Amino acid sequence: MQFVECTCGEKILVVPDVAAMSMAVKNHLGDHKDADEQFLIAQIFEAASTQTQS
């Protein structure tokens, strides 16, 4: 299992289901207004790219 860490410190599980991942990000951003959305998305894309290369 791979996680990404938001700028707020919370860890989010990276899943291959794009719809589920999108919902998780939206829910997280709703709970943490100070979270950096672009940073979080970049972390997710980086994690996803390393999963597909393994």
N, C-alpha and C. Protein backbone atom coordinates (compact mmCIF):
# COMPACT_ATOMS: atom_id res chain seq x y z
N MET A 1 0.83 -1.18 0.00
CA MET A 1 0.00 0.00 0.00
C MET A 1 0.88 1.25 0.00
N GLN A 2 0.44 2.21 -0.76
CA GLN A 2 1.19 3.45 -0.84
C GLN A 2 0.31 4.61 -0.39
N PHE A 3 0.91 5.52 0.37
CA PHE A 3 0.21 6.68 0.87
C PHE A 3 0.91 7.94 0.37
N VAL A 4 0.14 9.03 0.30
CA VAL A 4 0.73 10.35 0.06
C VAL A 4 0.45 11.16 1.32
N GLU A 5 1.37 12.08 1.62
CA GLU A 5 1.19 12.91 2.80
C GLU A 5 0.87 14.33 2.37
N CYS A 6 -0.24 14.83 2.86
CA CYS A 6 -0.68 16.18 2.55
C CYS A 6 0.19 17.19 3.32
N THR A 7 0.11 18.44 2.91
CA THR A 7 0.84 19.49 3.61
C THR A 7 0.32 19.67 5.04
N CYS A 8 -0.90 19.20 5.33
CA CYS A 8 -1.45 19.30 6.68
C CYS A 8 -0.94 18.15 7.57
N GLY A 9 -0.28 17.16 6.96
CA GLY A 9 0.27 16.04 7.71
C GLY A 9 -0.53 14.76 7.63
N GLU A 10 -1.76 14.83 7.14
CA GLU A 10 -2.59 13.63 7.04
C GLU A 10 -2.15 12.78 5.85
N LYS A 11 -2.20 11.46 6.02
CA LYS A 11 -1.83 10.54 4.96
C LYS A 11 -3.08 10.00 4.28
N ILE A 12 -3.01 9.89 2.95
CA ILE A 12 -4.13 9.42 2.15
C ILE A 12 -3.65 8.22 1.34
N LEU A 13 -4.42 7.15 1.41
CA LEU A 13 -4.10 5.93 0.66
C LEU A 13 -4.28 6.17 -0.83
N VAL A 14 -3.31 5.78 -1.64
CA VAL A 14 -3.40 5.88 -3.09
C VAL A 14 -4.02 4.58 -3.61
N VAL A 15 -5.12 4.73 -4.37
CA VAL A 15 -5.82 3.58 -4.92
C VAL A 15 -5.88 3.72 -6.44
N PRO A 16 -5.95 2.61 -7.18
CA PRO A 16 -5.96 2.69 -8.64
C PRO A 16 -7.29 3.18 -9.22
N ASP A 17 -8.35 3.23 -8.43
CA ASP A 17 -9.66 3.69 -8.88
C ASP A 17 -9.67 5.22 -8.90
N VAL A 18 -9.68 5.81 -10.09
CA VAL A 18 -9.59 7.27 -10.24
C VAL A 18 -10.77 7.97 -9.56
N ALA A 19 -11.97 7.45 -9.71
CA ALA A 19 -13.14 8.07 -9.10
C ALA A 19 -13.03 8.07 -7.57
N ALA A 20 -12.58 6.96 -7.01
CA ALA A 20 -12.42 6.86 -5.55
C ALA A 20 -11.32 7.79 -5.07
N MET A 21 -10.25 7.89 -5.83
CA MET A 21 -9.14 8.77 -5.45
C MET A 21 -9.59 10.23 -5.50
N SER A 22 -10.35 10.58 -6.53
CA SER A 22 -10.87 11.93 -6.66
C SER A 22 -11.78 12.27 -5.49
N MET A 23 -12.64 11.34 -5.10
CA MET A 23 -13.54 11.57 -3.98
C MET A 23 -12.75 11.75 -2.68
N ALA A 24 -11.72 10.95 -2.50
CA ALA A 24 -10.90 11.05 -1.29
C ALA A 24 -10.23 12.42 -1.21
N VAL A 25 -9.72 12.91 -2.33
CA VAL A 25 -9.07 14.22 -2.36
C VAL A 25 -10.09 15.32 -2.07
N LYS A 26 -11.26 15.26 -2.71
CA LYS A 26 -12.29 16.27 -2.48
C LYS A 26 -12.75 16.28 -1.02
N ASN A 27 -12.93 15.10 -0.45
CA ASN A 27 -13.33 15.02 0.96
C ASN A 27 -12.24 15.59 1.86
N HIS A 28 -11.01 15.28 1.57
CA HIS A 28 -9.90 15.78 2.37
C HIS A 28 -9.82 17.29 2.29
N LEU A 29 -9.94 17.83 1.09
CA LEU A 29 -9.85 19.28 0.92
C LEU A 29 -11.04 19.98 1.60
N GLY A 30 -12.18 19.32 1.65
CA GLY A 30 -13.33 19.88 2.36
C GLY A 30 -13.09 19.96 3.85
N ASP A 31 -12.35 18.99 4.38
CA ASP A 31 -12.05 18.95 5.81
C ASP A 31 -10.88 19.85 6.19
N HIS A 32 -9.97 20.05 5.26
CA HIS A 32 -8.73 20.80 5.54
C HIS A 32 -8.58 21.93 4.52
N LYS A 33 -9.17 23.05 4.83
CA LYS A 33 -9.17 24.20 3.91
C LYS A 33 -7.77 24.72 3.63
N ASP A 34 -6.84 24.48 4.56
CA ASP A 34 -5.47 24.97 4.39
C ASP A 34 -4.59 24.02 3.58
N ALA A 35 -5.14 22.87 3.18
CA ALA A 35 -4.37 21.89 2.41
C ALA A 35 -4.08 22.43 1.01
N ASP A 36 -2.92 22.10 0.48
CA ASP A 36 -2.49 22.55 -0.85
C ASP A 36 -2.93 21.52 -1.89
N GLU A 37 -3.98 21.84 -2.62
CA GLU A 37 -4.55 20.89 -3.58
C GLU A 37 -3.56 20.50 -4.67
N GLN A 38 -2.85 21.45 -5.22
CA GLN A 38 -1.90 21.16 -6.30
C GLN A 38 -0.77 20.25 -5.82
N PHE A 39 -0.28 20.48 -4.62
CA PHE A 39 0.77 19.64 -4.05
C PHE A 39 0.26 18.22 -3.87
N LEU A 40 -0.97 18.10 -3.35
CA LEU A 40 -1.56 16.78 -3.12
C LEU A 40 -1.74 16.02 -4.42
N ILE A 41 -2.24 16.69 -5.44
CA ILE A 41 -2.44 16.05 -6.75
C ILE A 41 -1.10 15.62 -7.34
N ALA A 42 -0.08 16.45 -7.22
CA ALA A 42 1.25 16.10 -7.73
C ALA A 42 1.78 14.86 -7.01
N GLN A 43 1.57 14.79 -5.69
CA GLN A 43 2.01 13.62 -4.92
C GLN A 43 1.30 12.35 -5.39
N ILE A 44 0.02 12.46 -5.67
CA ILE A 44 -0.76 11.31 -6.11
C ILE A 44 -0.29 10.83 -7.48
N PHE A 45 -0.06 11.77 -8.41
CA PHE A 45 0.44 11.37 -9.73
C PHE A 45 1.81 10.71 -9.63
N GLU A 46 2.66 11.23 -8.77
CA GLU A 46 3.99 10.64 -8.58
C GLU A 46 3.87 9.22 -8.02
N ALA A 47 3.01 9.05 -7.03
CA ALA A 47 2.82 7.72 -6.43
C ALA A 47 2.23 6.76 -7.45
N ALA A 48 1.27 7.22 -8.23
CA ALA A 48 0.64 6.35 -9.24
C ALA A 48 1.64 5.94 -10.31
N SER A 49 2.52 6.85 -10.69
CA SER A 49 3.49 6.51 -11.72
C SER A 49 4.49 5.48 -11.23
N THR A 50 4.83 5.51 -9.97
CA THR A 50 5.77 4.52 -9.44
C THR A 50 5.08 3.16 -9.27
N GLN A 51 3.78 3.15 -9.03
CA GLN A 51 3.04 1.89 -8.90
C GLN A 51 2.96 1.18 -10.24
N THR A 52 2.77 1.91 -11.32
CA THR A 52 2.63 1.28 -12.62
C THR A 52 3.95 0.80 -13.19
N GLN A 53 5.05 1.36 -12.70
CA GLN A 53 6.38 0.96 -13.18
C GLN A 53 6.90 -0.27 -12.45
N SER A 54 6.31 -0.60 -11.31
CA SER A 54 6.78 -1.74 -10.51
C SER A 54 6.33 -3.06 -11.08
